[in-house]
Amino acid sequence: MADSRGAAGFWTQTHALLRKNLSLQKRNMRTNIGLVIFPAVLCLMLYGIQRMVDSVFTATSTDTSNPTRWPALVQVPETGDRVVRGKSTCVDEDSCPVMVFLTGGNQSLAQSELIFVA
């Protein structure tokens, strides 16, 4: 005997699939709770770590908007690695000048031709 109802329509199949998935999700309730809670716990841990780091740096600095200034650092290359203009025997004498790029607000110093640091 053939089925007289015919093939199930789109909405009937969709409704059946959703009910099936809902019953499967009910069975896996602990897994679903873990999937929701883990990112929340991770965000809370990151927030706590950020607060601890902020409190440590705030305690060491008296004013957080103006941190302490560090002096400018210049890395001077070794004598043999320095670039020298023209003919010079400074490599042998250990007294090569160093060419350093300058930036800043002092226009006259920046525009001067050469500044040597021995």
PDB file of N, CA and C in Angstrom:
ATOM      1  N   MET A   1       0.829  -1.170   0.000  1.00  0.00           N
ATOM      2  CA  MET A   1       0.000   0.000   0.000  1.00  0.00           C
ATOM      3  C   MET A   1       0.877   1.238   0.000  1.00  0.00           C
ATOM      4  N   ALA A   2       0.631   2.145  -0.866  1.00  0.00           N
ATOM      5  CA  ALA A   2       1.424   3.357  -1.018  1.00  0.00           C
ATOM      6  C   ALA A   2       0.963   4.415  -0.028  1.00  0.00           C
ATOM      7  N   ASP A   3       1.915   5.322   0.316  1.00  0.00           N
ATOM      8  CA  ASP A   3       1.600   6.412   1.239  1.00  0.00           C
ATOM      9  C   ASP A   3       0.818   7.470   0.476  1.00  0.00           C
ATOM     10  N   SER A   4      -0.359   7.796   0.934  1.00  0.00           N
ATOM     11  CA  SER A   4      -1.220   8.734   0.216  1.00  0.00           C
ATOM     12  C   SER A   4      -0.903  10.193   0.543  1.00  0.00           C
ATOM     13  N   ARG A   5      -0.048  10.429   1.563  1.00  0.00           N
ATOM     14  CA  ARG A   5       0.239  11.817   1.947  1.00  0.00           C
ATOM     15  C   ARG A   5       1.262  12.456   1.025  1.00  0.00           C
ATOM     16  N   GLY A   6       2.082  11.750   0.343  1.00  0.00           N
ATOM     17  CA  GLY A   6       3.082  12.295  -0.563  1.00  0.00           C
ATOM     18  C   GLY A   6       4.340  12.698   0.199  1.00  0.00           C
ATOM     19  N   ALA A   7       5.251  13.398  -0.490  1.00  0.00           N
ATOM     20  CA  ALA A   7       6.512  13.831   0.109  1.00  0.00           C
ATOM     21  C   ALA A   7       6.267  14.984   1.081  1.00  0.00           C
ATOM     22  N   ALA A   8       7.080  15.019   2.115  1.00  0.00           N
ATOM     23  CA  ALA A   8       6.954  16.088   3.111  1.00  0.00           C
ATOM     24  C   ALA A   8       7.472  17.395   2.516  1.00  0.00           C
ATOM     25  N   GLY A   9       6.817  18.476   2.842  1.00  0.00           N
ATOM     26  CA  GLY A   9       7.219  19.785   2.338  1.00  0.00           C
ATOM     27  C   GLY A   9       8.438  20.333   3.075  1.00  0.00           C
ATOM     28  N   PHE A  10       8.923  21.475   2.583  1.00  0.00           N
ATOM     29  CA  PHE A  10      10.124  22.103   3.146  1.00  0.00           C
ATOM     30  C   PHE A  10       9.939  22.450   4.609  1.00  0.00           C
ATOM     31  N   TRP A  11       8.837  23.104   4.963  1.00  0.00           N
ATOM     32  CA  TRP A  11       8.627  23.544   6.341  1.00  0.00           C
ATOM     33  C   TRP A  11       8.416  22.369   7.285  1.00  0.00           C
ATOM     34  N   THR A  12       7.823  21.296   6.790  1.00  0.00           N
ATOM     35  CA  THR A  12       7.636  20.106   7.616  1.00  0.00           C
ATOM     36  C   THR A  12       8.986  19.472   7.935  1.00  0.00           C
ATOM     37  N   GLN A  13       9.875  19.390   6.935  1.00  0.00           N
ATOM     38  CA  GLN A  13      11.204  18.834   7.147  1.00  0.00           C
ATOM     39  C   GLN A  13      12.039  19.730   8.070  1.00  0.00           C
ATOM     40  N   THR A  14      11.909  21.035   7.874  1.00  0.00           N
ATOM     41  CA  THR A  14      12.650  21.981   8.714  1.00  0.00           C
ATOM     42  C   THR A  14      12.213  21.870  10.164  1.00  0.00           C
ATOM     43  N   HIS A  15      10.901  21.775  10.380  1.00  0.00           N
ATOM     44  CA  HIS A  15      10.375  21.653  11.735  1.00  0.00           C
ATOM     45  C   HIS A  15      10.866  20.359  12.385  1.00  0.00           C
ATOM     46  N   ALA A  16      10.871  19.265  11.658  1.00  0.00           N
ATOM     47  CA  ALA A  16      11.337  17.981  12.193  1.00  0.00           C
ATOM     48  C   ALA A  16      12.831  18.040  12.527  1.00  0.00           C
ATOM     49  N   LEU A  17      13.621  18.669  11.658  1.00  0.00           N
ATOM     50  CA  LEU A  17      15.059  18.783  11.910  1.00  0.00           C
ATOM     51  C   LEU A  17      15.342  19.642  13.142  1.00  0.00           C
ATOM     52  N   LEU A  18      14.640  20.743  13.299  1.00  0.00           N
ATOM     53  CA  LEU A  18      14.826  21.595  14.473  1.00  0.00           C
ATOM     54  C   LEU A  18      14.455  20.871  15.763  1.00  0.00           C
ATOM     55  N   ARG A  19      13.373  20.093  15.731  1.00  0.00           N
ATOM     56  CA  ARG A  19      12.979  19.331  16.921  1.00  0.00           C
ATOM     57  C   ARG A  19      14.025  18.274  17.264  1.00  0.00           C
ATOM     58  N   LYS A  20      14.591  17.644  16.226  1.00  0.00           N
ATOM     59  CA  LYS A  20      15.641  16.646  16.451  1.00  0.00           C
ATOM     60  C   LYS A  20      16.874  17.297  17.081  1.00  0.00           C
ATOM     61  N   ASN A  21      17.306  18.451  16.529  1.00  0.00           N
ATOM     62  CA  ASN A  21      18.469  19.153  17.074  1.00  0.00           C
ATOM     63  C   ASN A  21      18.225  19.628  18.498  1.00  0.00           C
ATOM     64  N   LEU A  22      17.009  20.066  18.782  1.00  0.00           N
ATOM     65  CA  LEU A  22      16.686  20.509  20.135  1.00  0.00           C
ATOM     66  C   LEU A  22      16.785  19.354  21.127  1.00  0.00           C
ATOM     67  N   SER A  23      16.316  18.188  20.725  1.00  0.00           N
ATOM     68  CA  SER A  23      16.414  17.034  21.631  1.00  0.00           C
ATOM     69  C   SER A  23      17.877  16.630  21.843  1.00  0.00           C
ATOM     70  N   LEU A  24      18.721  16.746  20.799  1.00  0.00           N
ATOM     71  CA  LEU A  24      20.145  16.441  20.959  1.00  0.00           C
ATOM     72  C   LEU A  24      20.829  17.464  21.858  1.00  0.00           C
ATOM     73  N   GLN A  25      20.466  18.742  21.720  1.00  0.00           N
ATOM     74  CA  GLN A  25      21.068  19.777  22.559  1.00  0.00           C
ATOM     75  C   GLN A  25      20.668  19.611  24.023  1.00  0.00           C
ATOM     76  N   LYS A  26      19.453  19.141  24.272  1.00  0.00           N
ATOM     77  CA  LYS A  26      19.038  18.896  25.656  1.00  0.00           C
ATOM     78  C   LYS A  26      19.883  17.806  26.292  1.00  0.00           C
ATOM     79  N   ARG A  27      20.261  16.794  25.504  1.00  0.00           N
ATOM     80  CA  ARG A  27      21.086  15.708  26.027  1.00  0.00           C
ATOM     81  C   ARG A  27      22.500  16.188  26.356  1.00  0.00           C
ATOM     82  N   ASN A  28      22.989  17.168  25.627  1.00  0.00           N
ATOM     83  CA  ASN A  28      24.360  17.661  25.804  1.00  0.00           C
ATOM     84  C   ASN A  28      24.381  19.000  26.551  1.00  0.00           C
ATOM     85  N   MET A  29      23.594  19.105  27.590  1.00  0.00           N
ATOM     86  CA  MET A  29      23.453  20.374  28.312  1.00  0.00           C
ATOM     87  C   MET A  29      24.776  20.820  28.943  1.00  0.00           C
ATOM     88  N   ARG A  30      25.533  19.891  29.539  1.00  0.00           N
ATOM     89  CA  ARG A  30      26.796  20.279  30.181  1.00  0.00           C
ATOM     90  C   ARG A  30      27.798  20.805  29.156  1.00  0.00           C
ATOM     91  N   THR A  31      27.849  20.183  27.998  1.00  0.00           N
ATOM     92  CA  THR A  31      28.756  20.649  26.950  1.00  0.00           C
ATOM     93  C   THR A  31      28.369  22.048  26.497  1.00  0.00           C
ATOM     94  N   ASN A  32      27.093  22.292  26.318  1.00  0.00           N
ATOM     95  CA  ASN A  32      26.634  23.614  25.894  1.00  0.00           C
ATOM     96  C   ASN A  32      26.938  24.681  26.935  1.00  0.00           C
ATOM     97  N   ILE A  33      26.759  24.335  28.198  1.00  0.00           N
ATOM     98  CA  ILE A  33      27.069  25.297  29.258  1.00  0.00           C
ATOM     99  C   ILE A  33      28.564  25.601  29.257  1.00  0.00           C
ATOM    100  N   GLY A  34      29.387  24.561  29.081  1.00  0.00           N
ATOM    101  CA  GLY A  34      30.832  24.778  29.011  1.00  0.00           C
ATOM    102  C   GLY A  34      31.233  25.653  27.843  1.00  0.00           C
ATOM    103  N   LEU A  35      30.579  25.469  26.703  1.00  0.00           N
ATOM    104  CA  LEU A  35      30.881  26.294  25.531  1.00  0.00           C
ATOM    105  C   LEU A  35      30.532  27.758  25.752  1.00  0.00           C
ATOM    106  N   VAL A  36      29.536  28.015  26.563  1.00  0.00           N
ATOM    107  CA  VAL A  36      29.146  29.398  26.834  1.00  0.00           C
ATOM    108  C   VAL A  36      29.998  30.014  27.942  1.00  0.00           C
ATOM    109  N   ILE A  37      30.302  29.222  28.970  1.00  0.00           N
ATOM    110  CA  ILE A  37      31.000  29.760  30.144  1.00  0.00           C
ATOM    111  C   ILE A  37      32.500  29.957  29.903  1.00  0.00           C
ATOM    112  N   PHE A  38      33.146  29.084  29.120  1.00  0.00           N
ATOM    113  CA  PHE A  38      34.599  29.172  28.931  1.00  0.00           C
ATOM    114  C   PHE A  38      35.045  30.537  28.405  1.00  0.00           C
ATOM    115  N   PRO A  39      34.457  31.098  27.347  1.00  0.00           N
ATOM    116  CA  PRO A  39      34.907  32.431  26.910  1.00  0.00           C
ATOM    117  C   PRO A  39      34.664  33.517  27.958  1.00  0.00           C
ATOM    118  N   ALA A  40      33.571  33.382  28.715  1.00  0.00           N
ATOM    119  CA  ALA A  40      33.305  34.371  29.764  1.00  0.00           C
ATOM    120  C   ALA A  40      34.373  34.309  30.854  1.00  0.00           C
ATOM    121  N   VAL A  41      34.766  33.099  31.257  1.00  0.00           N
ATOM    122  CA  VAL A  41      35.807  32.941  32.278  1.00  0.00           C
ATOM    123  C   VAL A  41      37.139  33.462  31.753  1.00  0.00           C
ATOM    124  N   LEU A  42      37.435  33.186  30.499  1.00  0.00           N
ATOM    125  CA  LEU A  42      38.673  33.667  29.896  1.00  0.00           C
ATOM    126  C   LEU A  42      38.713  35.201  29.873  1.00  0.00           C
ATOM    127  N   CYS A  43      37.611  35.817  29.509  1.00  0.00           N
ATOM    128  CA  CYS A  43      37.557  37.291  29.509  1.00  0.00           C
ATOM    129  C   CYS A  43      37.723  37.852  30.913  1.00  0.00           C
ATOM    130  N   LEU A  44      37.117  37.211  31.904  1.00  0.00           N
ATOM    131  CA  LEU A  44      37.274  37.667  33.287  1.00  0.00           C
ATOM    132  C   LEU A  44      38.718  37.529  33.764  1.00  0.00           C
ATOM    133  N   MET A  45      39.387  36.441  33.366  1.00  0.00           N
ATOM    134  CA  MET A  45      40.792  36.283  33.742  1.00  0.00           C
ATOM    135  C   MET A  45      41.656  37.364  33.107  1.00  0.00           C
ATOM    136  N   LEU A  46      41.438  37.651  31.825  1.00  0.00           N
ATOM    137  CA  LEU A  46      42.204  38.700  31.155  1.00  0.00           C
ATOM    138  C   LEU A  46      41.944  40.062  31.783  1.00  0.00           C
ATOM    139  N   TYR A  47      40.705  40.320  32.156  1.00  0.00           N
ATOM    140  CA  TYR A  47      40.371  41.577  32.819  1.00  0.00           C
ATOM    141  C   TYR A  47      41.091  41.683  34.169  1.00  0.00           C
ATOM    142  N   GLY A  48      41.114  40.586  34.915  1.00  0.00           N
ATOM    143  CA  GLY A  48      41.801  40.588  36.206  1.00  0.00           C
ATOM    144  C   GLY A  48      43.298  40.805  36.062  1.00  0.00           C
ATOM    145  N   ILE A  49      43.914  40.155  35.076  1.00  0.00           N
ATOM    146  CA  ILE A  49      45.347  40.342  34.843  1.00  0.00           C
ATOM    147  C   ILE A  49      45.631  41.787  34.456  1.00  0.00           C
ATOM    148  N   GLN A  50      44.775  42.370  33.597  1.00  0.00           N
ATOM    149  CA  GLN A  50      44.968  43.765  33.189  1.00  0.00           C
ATOM    150  C   GLN A  50      44.860  44.703  34.383  1.00  0.00           C
ATOM    151  N   ARG A  51      43.904  44.450  35.266  1.00  0.00           N
ATOM    152  CA  ARG A  51      43.762  45.288  36.460  1.00  0.00           C
ATOM    153  C   ARG A  51      44.992  45.183  37.367  1.00  0.00           C
ATOM    154  N   MET A  52      45.540  43.959  37.520  1.00  0.00           N
ATOM    155  CA  MET A  52      46.736  43.784  38.347  1.00  0.00           C
ATOM    156  C   MET A  52      47.922  44.530  37.750  1.00  0.00           C
ATOM    157  N   VAL A  53      48.114  44.410  36.450  1.00  0.00           N
ATOM    158  CA  VAL A  53      49.234  45.093  35.798  1.00  0.00           C
ATOM    159  C   VAL A  53      49.065  46.604  35.918  1.00  0.00           C
ATOM    160  N   ASP A  54      47.850  47.086  35.701  1.00  0.00           N
ATOM    161  CA  ASP A  54      47.606  48.529  35.837  1.00  0.00           C
ATOM    162  C   ASP A  54      47.879  49.002  37.258  1.00  0.00           C
ATOM    163  N   SER A  55      47.491  48.218  38.252  1.00  0.00           N
ATOM    164  CA  SER A  55      47.717  48.643  39.637  1.00  0.00           C
ATOM    165  C   SER A  55      49.206  48.654  39.975  1.00  0.00           C
ATOM    166  N   VAL A  56      49.969  47.729  39.422  1.00  0.00           N
ATOM    167  CA  VAL A  56      51.410  47.703  39.688  1.00  0.00           C
ATOM    168  C   VAL A  56      52.073  48.926  39.068  1.00  0.00           C
ATOM    169  N   PHE A  57      51.719  49.240  37.817  1.00  0.00           N
ATOM    170  CA  PHE A  57      52.342  50.386  37.166  1.00  0.00           C
ATOM    171  C   PHE A  57      51.850  51.710  37.740  1.00  0.00           C
ATOM    172  N   THR A  58      50.627  51.769  38.207  1.00  0.00           N
ATOM    173  CA  THR A  58      50.121  52.988  38.835  1.00  0.00           C
ATOM    174  C   THR A  58      50.795  53.210  40.185  1.00  0.00           C
ATOM    175  N   ALA A  59      51.074  52.125  40.898  1.00  0.00           N
ATOM    176  CA  ALA A  59      51.720  52.250  42.208  1.00  0.00           C
ATOM    177  C   ALA A  59      53.167  52.719  42.073  1.00  0.00           C
ATOM    178  N   THR A  60      53.846  52.358  40.987  1.00  0.00           N
ATOM    179  CA  THR A  60      55.239  52.757  40.827  1.00  0.00           C
ATOM    180  C   THR A  60      55.383  54.147  40.221  1.00  0.00           C
ATOM    181  N   SER A  61      54.368  54.617  39.525  1.00  0.00           N
ATOM    182  CA  SER A  61      54.435  55.935  38.906  1.00  0.00           C
ATOM    183  C   SER A  61      53.504  56.891  39.649  1.00  0.00           C
ATOM    184  N   THR A  62      53.999  58.097  39.911  1.00  0.00           N
ATOM    185  CA  THR A  62      53.162  59.052  40.634  1.00  0.00           C
ATOM    186  C   THR A  62      52.121  59.676  39.725  1.00  0.00           C
ATOM    187  N   ASP A  63      52.439  59.839  38.440  1.00  0.00           N
ATOM    188  CA  ASP A  63      51.498  60.444  37.500  1.00  0.00           C
ATOM    189  C   ASP A  63      51.442  59.568  36.258  1.00  0.00           C
ATOM    190  N   THR A  64      50.293  58.934  36.012  1.00  0.00           N
ATOM    191  CA  THR A  64      50.197  58.000  34.891  1.00  0.00           C
ATOM    192  C   THR A  64      50.141  58.712  33.542  1.00  0.00           C
ATOM    193  N   SER A  65      49.721  60.005  33.495  1.00  0.00           N
ATOM    194  CA  SER A  65      49.651  60.690  32.193  1.00  0.00           C
ATOM    195  C   SER A  65      51.020  61.163  31.739  1.00  0.00           C
ATOM    196  N   ASN A  66      51.973  61.335  32.657  1.00  0.00           N
ATOM    197  CA  ASN A  66      53.325  61.753  32.304  1.00  0.00           C
ATOM    198  C   ASN A  66      54.324  60.750  32.867  1.00  0.00           C
ATOM    199  N   PRO A  67      54.620  59.679  32.128  1.00  0.00           N
ATOM    200  CA  PRO A  67      55.577  58.709  32.647  1.00  0.00           C
ATOM    201  C   PRO A  67      56.976  59.297  32.696  1.00  0.00           C
ATOM    202  N   THR A  68      57.846  58.662  33.454  1.00  0.00           N
ATOM    203  CA  THR A  68      59.210  59.166  33.577  1.00  0.00           C
ATOM    204  C   THR A  68      59.901  59.104  32.220  1.00  0.00           C
ATOM    205  N   ARG A  69      60.727  60.104  31.945  1.00  0.00           N
ATOM    206  CA  ARG A  69      61.412  60.178  30.657  1.00  0.00           C
ATOM    207  C   ARG A  69      62.733  59.463  30.737  1.00  0.00           C
ATOM    208  N   TRP A  70      63.038  58.715  29.696  1.00  0.00           N
ATOM    209  CA  TRP A  70      64.315  58.030  29.594  1.00  0.00           C
ATOM    210  C   TRP A  70      65.231  58.845  28.719  1.00  0.00           C
ATOM    211  N   PRO A  71      66.522  58.833  28.986  1.00  0.00           N
ATOM    212  CA  PRO A  71      67.444  59.562  28.113  1.00  0.00           C
ATOM    213  C   PRO A  71      67.510  58.892  26.744  1.00  0.00           C
ATOM    214  N   ALA A  72      67.853  59.694  25.735  1.00  0.00           N
ATOM    215  CA  ALA A  72      67.989  59.155  24.386  1.00  0.00           C
ATOM    216  C   ALA A  72      69.177  58.207  24.336  1.00  0.00           C
ATOM    217  N   LEU A  73      68.991  57.103  23.659  1.00  0.00           N
ATOM    218  CA  LEU A  73      70.054  56.112  23.550  1.00  0.00           C
ATOM    219  C   LEU A  73      70.569  56.087  22.115  1.00  0.00           C
ATOM    220  N   VAL A  74      71.885  56.073  21.963  1.00  0.00           N
ATOM    221  CA  VAL A  74      72.506  56.018  20.650  1.00  0.00           C
ATOM    222  C   VAL A  74      73.409  54.799  20.627  1.00  0.00           C
ATOM    223  N   GLN A  75      73.210  53.949  19.653  1.00  0.00           N
ATOM    224  CA  GLN A  75      74.080  52.797  19.506  1.00  0.00           C
ATOM    225  C   GLN A  75      75.156  53.146  18.491  1.00  0.00           C
ATOM    226  N   VAL A  76      76.362  53.215  18.951  1.00  0.00           N
ATOM    227  CA  VAL A  76      77.487  53.586  18.102  1.00  0.00           C
ATOM    228  C   VAL A  76      78.116  52.300  17.569  1.00  0.00           C
ATOM    229  N   PRO A  77      78.288  52.194  16.240  1.00  0.00           N
ATOM    230  CA  PRO A  77      78.878  50.975  15.699  1.00  0.00           C
ATOM    231  C   PRO A  77      80.350  50.847  16.066  1.00  0.00           C
ATOM    232  N   GLU A  78      80.849  49.628  15.977  1.00  0.00           N
ATOM    233  CA  GLU A  78      82.262  49.371  16.250  1.00  0.00           C
ATOM    234  C   GLU A  78      83.129  50.155  15.270  1.00  0.00           C
ATOM    235  N   THR A  79      84.374  50.386  15.611  1.00  0.00           N
ATOM    236  CA  THR A  79      85.269  51.202  14.794  1.00  0.00           C
ATOM    237  C   THR A  79      85.418  50.646  13.389  1.00  0.00           C
ATOM    238  N   GLY A  80      85.543  49.371  13.235  1.00  0.00           N
ATOM    239  CA  GLY A  80      85.727  48.777  11.912  1.00  0.00           C
ATOM    240  C   GLY A  80      84.484  48.821  11.050  1.00  0.00           C
ATOM    241  N   ASP A  81      83.312  49.024  11.643  1.00  0.00           N
ATOM    242  CA  ASP A  81      82.059  49.023  10.903  1.00  0.00           C
ATOM    243  C   ASP A  81      81.561  50.419  10.548  1.00  0.00           C
ATOM    244  N   ARG A  82      82.306  51.444  10.890  1.00  0.00           N
ATOM    245  CA  ARG A  82      81.854  52.816  10.646  1.00  0.00           C
ATOM    246  C   ARG A  82      82.094  53.220   9.199  1.00  0.00           C
ATOM    247  N   VAL A  83      81.186  54.041   8.667  1.00  0.00           N
ATOM    248  CA  VAL A  83      81.323  54.563   7.312  1.00  0.00           C
ATOM    249  C   VAL A  83      82.079  55.877   7.380  1.00  0.00           C
ATOM    250  N   VAL A  84      83.106  56.013   6.549  1.00  0.00           N
ATOM    251  CA  VAL A  84      83.957  57.193   6.586  1.00  0.00           C
ATOM    252  C   VAL A  84      83.926  57.852   5.221  1.00  0.00           C
ATOM    253  N   ARG A  85      83.779  59.171   5.188  1.00  0.00           N
ATOM    254  CA  ARG A  85      83.834  59.911   3.927  1.00  0.00           C
ATOM    255  C   ARG A  85      85.275  60.238   3.582  1.00  0.00           C
ATOM    256  N   GLY A  86      85.631  60.049   2.332  1.00  0.00           N
ATOM    257  CA  GLY A  86      86.970  60.418   1.882  1.00  0.00           C
ATOM    258  C   GLY A  86      88.025  59.447   2.373  1.00  0.00           C
ATOM    259  N   LYS A  87      89.265  59.849   2.174  1.00  0.00           N
ATOM    260  CA  LYS A  87      90.383  59.001   2.599  1.00  0.00           C
ATOM    261  C   LYS A  87      90.691  59.285   4.060  1.00  0.00           C
ATOM    262  N   SER A  88      90.672  58.238   4.852  1.00  0.00           N
ATOM    263  CA  SER A  88      90.942  58.411   6.266  1.00  0.00           C
ATOM    264  C   SER A  88      91.604  57.152   6.789  1.00  0.00           C
ATOM    265  N   THR A  89      92.471  57.333   7.726  1.00  0.00           N
ATOM    266  CA  THR A  89      93.139  56.190   8.351  1.00  0.00           C
ATOM    267  C   THR A  89      92.651  55.998   9.767  1.00  0.00           C
ATOM    268  N   CYS A  90      91.423  56.451  10.032  1.00  0.00           N
ATOM    269  CA  CYS A  90      90.924  56.400  11.397  1.00  0.00           C
ATOM    270  C   CYS A  90      90.669  54.971  11.870  1.00  0.00           C
ATOM    271  N   VAL A  91      90.515  54.035  10.938  1.00  0.00           N
ATOM    272  CA  VAL A  91      90.298  52.653  11.346  1.00  0.00           C
ATOM    273  C   VAL A  91      91.539  52.129  12.062  1.00  0.00           C
ATOM    274  N   ASP A  92      92.687  52.560  11.561  1.00  0.00           N
ATOM    275  CA  ASP A  92      93.933  52.120  12.197  1.00  0.00           C
ATOM    276  C   ASP A  92      94.147  52.818  13.537  1.00  0.00           C
ATOM    277  N   GLU A  93      93.681  54.054  13.645  1.00  0.00           N
ATOM    278  CA  GLU A  93      93.926  54.846  14.849  1.00  0.00           C
ATOM    279  C   GLU A  93      92.848  54.696  15.911  1.00  0.00           C
ATOM    280  N   ASP A  94      91.787  53.974  15.604  1.00  0.00           N
ATOM    281  CA  ASP A  94      90.674  53.792  16.539  1.00  0.00           C
ATOM    282  C   ASP A  94      89.983  55.105  16.895  1.00  0.00           C
ATOM    283  N   SER A  95      89.908  56.040  15.943  1.00  0.00           N
ATOM    284  CA  SER A  95      89.265  57.317  16.242  1.00  0.00           C
ATOM    285  C   SER A  95      88.346  57.756  15.112  1.00  0.00           C
ATOM    286  N   CYS A  96      87.631  56.827  14.477  1.00  0.00           N
ATOM    287  CA  CYS A  96      86.715  57.184  13.388  1.00  0.00           C
ATOM    288  C   CYS A  96      85.553  58.019  13.920  1.00  0.00           C
ATOM    289  N   PRO A  97      85.166  59.044  13.177  1.00  0.00           N
ATOM    290  CA  PRO A  97      83.955  59.778  13.569  1.00  0.00           C
ATOM    291  C   PRO A  97      82.722  58.932  13.247  1.00  0.00           C
ATOM    292  N   VAL A  98      81.647  59.212  13.941  1.00  0.00           N
ATOM    293  CA  VAL A  98      80.393  58.490  13.736  1.00  0.00           C
ATOM    294  C   VAL A  98      79.374  59.454  13.168  1.00  0.00           C
ATOM    295  N   MET A  99      78.664  59.041  12.118  1.00  0.00           N
ATOM    296  CA  MET A  99      77.614  59.869  11.549  1.00  0.00           C
ATOM    297  C   MET A  99      76.292  59.437  12.180  1.00  0.00           C
ATOM    298  N   VAL A 100      75.579  60.368  12.812  1.00  0.00           N
ATOM    299  CA  VAL A 100      74.341  60.080  13.517  1.00  0.00           C
ATOM    300  C   VAL A 100      73.240  60.953  12.931  1.00  0.00           C
ATOM    301  N   PHE A 101      72.094  60.349  12.621  1.00  0.00           N
ATOM    302  CA  PHE A 101      70.951  61.116  12.135  1.00  0.00           C
ATOM    303  C   PHE A 101      70.262  61.798  13.308  1.00  0.00           C
ATOM    304  N   LEU A 102      69.890  63.074  13.117  1.00  0.00           N
ATOM    305  CA  LEU A 102      69.246  63.839  14.177  1.00  0.00           C
ATOM    306  C   LEU A 102      67.816  64.171  13.799  1.00  0.00           C
ATOM    307  N   THR A 103      66.941  64.064  14.761  1.00  0.00           N
ATOM    308  CA  THR A 103      65.572  64.534  14.588  1.00  0.00           C
ATOM    309  C   THR A 103      65.236  65.365  15.816  1.00  0.00           C
ATOM    310  N   GLY A 104      64.288  66.220  15.669  1.00  0.00           N
ATOM    311  CA  GLY A 104      63.887  67.016  16.821  1.00  0.00           C
ATOM    312  C   GLY A 104      63.559  68.440  16.438  1.00  0.00           C
ATOM    313  N   GLY A 105      63.417  69.278  17.444  1.00  0.00           N
ATOM    314  CA  GLY A 105      62.987  70.644  17.223  1.00  0.00           C
ATOM    315  C   GLY A 105      64.108  71.627  16.959  1.00  0.00           C
ATOM    316  N   ASN A 106      65.380  71.259  17.117  1.00  0.00           N
ATOM    317  CA  ASN A 106      66.487  72.179  16.929  1.00  0.00           C
ATOM    318  C   ASN A 106      66.883  72.205  15.453  1.00  0.00           C
ATOM    319  N   GLN A 107      66.299  73.135  14.683  1.00  0.00           N
ATOM    320  CA  GLN A 107      66.525  73.210  13.238  1.00  0.00           C
ATOM    321  C   GLN A 107      67.985  73.500  12.891  1.00  0.00           C
ATOM    322  N   SER A 108      68.609  74.432  13.604  1.00  0.00           N
ATOM    323  CA  SER A 108      69.987  74.800  13.263  1.00  0.00           C
ATOM    324  C   SER A 108      70.940  73.624  13.484  1.00  0.00           C
ATOM    325  N   LEU A 109      70.738  72.854  14.532  1.00  0.00           N
ATOM    326  CA  LEU A 109      71.575  71.694  14.771  1.00  0.00           C
ATOM    327  C   LEU A 109      71.332  70.617  13.714  1.00  0.00           C
ATOM    328  N   ALA A 110      70.092  70.414  13.330  1.00  0.00           N
ATOM    329  CA  ALA A 110      69.768  69.395  12.345  1.00  0.00           C
ATOM    330  C   ALA A 110      70.275  69.774  10.962  1.00  0.00           C
ATOM    331  N   GLN A 111      70.354  71.064  10.655  1.00  0.00           N
ATOM    332  CA  GLN A 111      70.772  71.485   9.343  1.00  0.00           C
ATOM    333  C   GLN A 111      72.278  71.733   9.228  1.00  0.00           C
ATOM    334  N   SER A 112      72.992  71.627  10.329  1.00  0.00           N
ATOM    335  CA  SER A 112      74.446  71.795  10.242  1.00  0.00           C
ATOM    336  C   SER A 112      75.032  70.652   9.418  1.00  0.00           C
ATOM    337  N   GLU A 113      76.189  70.922   8.778  1.00  0.00           N
ATOM    338  CA  GLU A 113      76.698  69.968   7.794  1.00  0.00           C
ATOM    339  C   GLU A 113      77.101  68.632   8.389  1.00  0.00           C
ATOM    340  N   LEU A 114      77.968  68.609   9.323  1.00  0.00           N
ATOM    341  CA  LEU A 114      78.422  67.359   9.923  1.00  0.00           C
ATOM    342  C   LEU A 114      78.591  67.552  11.420  1.00  0.00           C
ATOM    343  N   ILE A 115      78.172  66.577  12.151  1.00  0.00           N
ATOM    344  CA  ILE A 115      78.390  66.567  13.584  1.00  0.00           C
ATOM    345  C   ILE A 115      79.109  65.266  13.877  1.00  0.00           C
ATOM    346  N   PHE A 116      80.287  65.351  14.458  1.00  0.00           N
ATOM    347  CA  PHE A 116      81.089  64.173  14.723  1.00  0.00           C
ATOM    348  C   PHE A 116      81.052  63.845  16.196  1.00  0.00           C
ATOM    349  N   VAL A 117      80.908  62.587  16.482  1.00  0.00           N
ATOM    350  CA  VAL A 117      81.009  62.094  17.847  1.00  0.00           C
ATOM    351  C   VAL A 117      82.190  61.152  17.890  1.00  0.00           C
ATOM    352  N   ALA A 118      83.147  61.448  18.688  1.00  0.00           N
ATOM    353  CA  ALA A 118      84.350  60.600  18.731  1.00  0.00           C
ATOM    354  C   ALA A 118      84.210  59.505  19.724  1.00  0.00           C
TER     355      ALA A 118
END
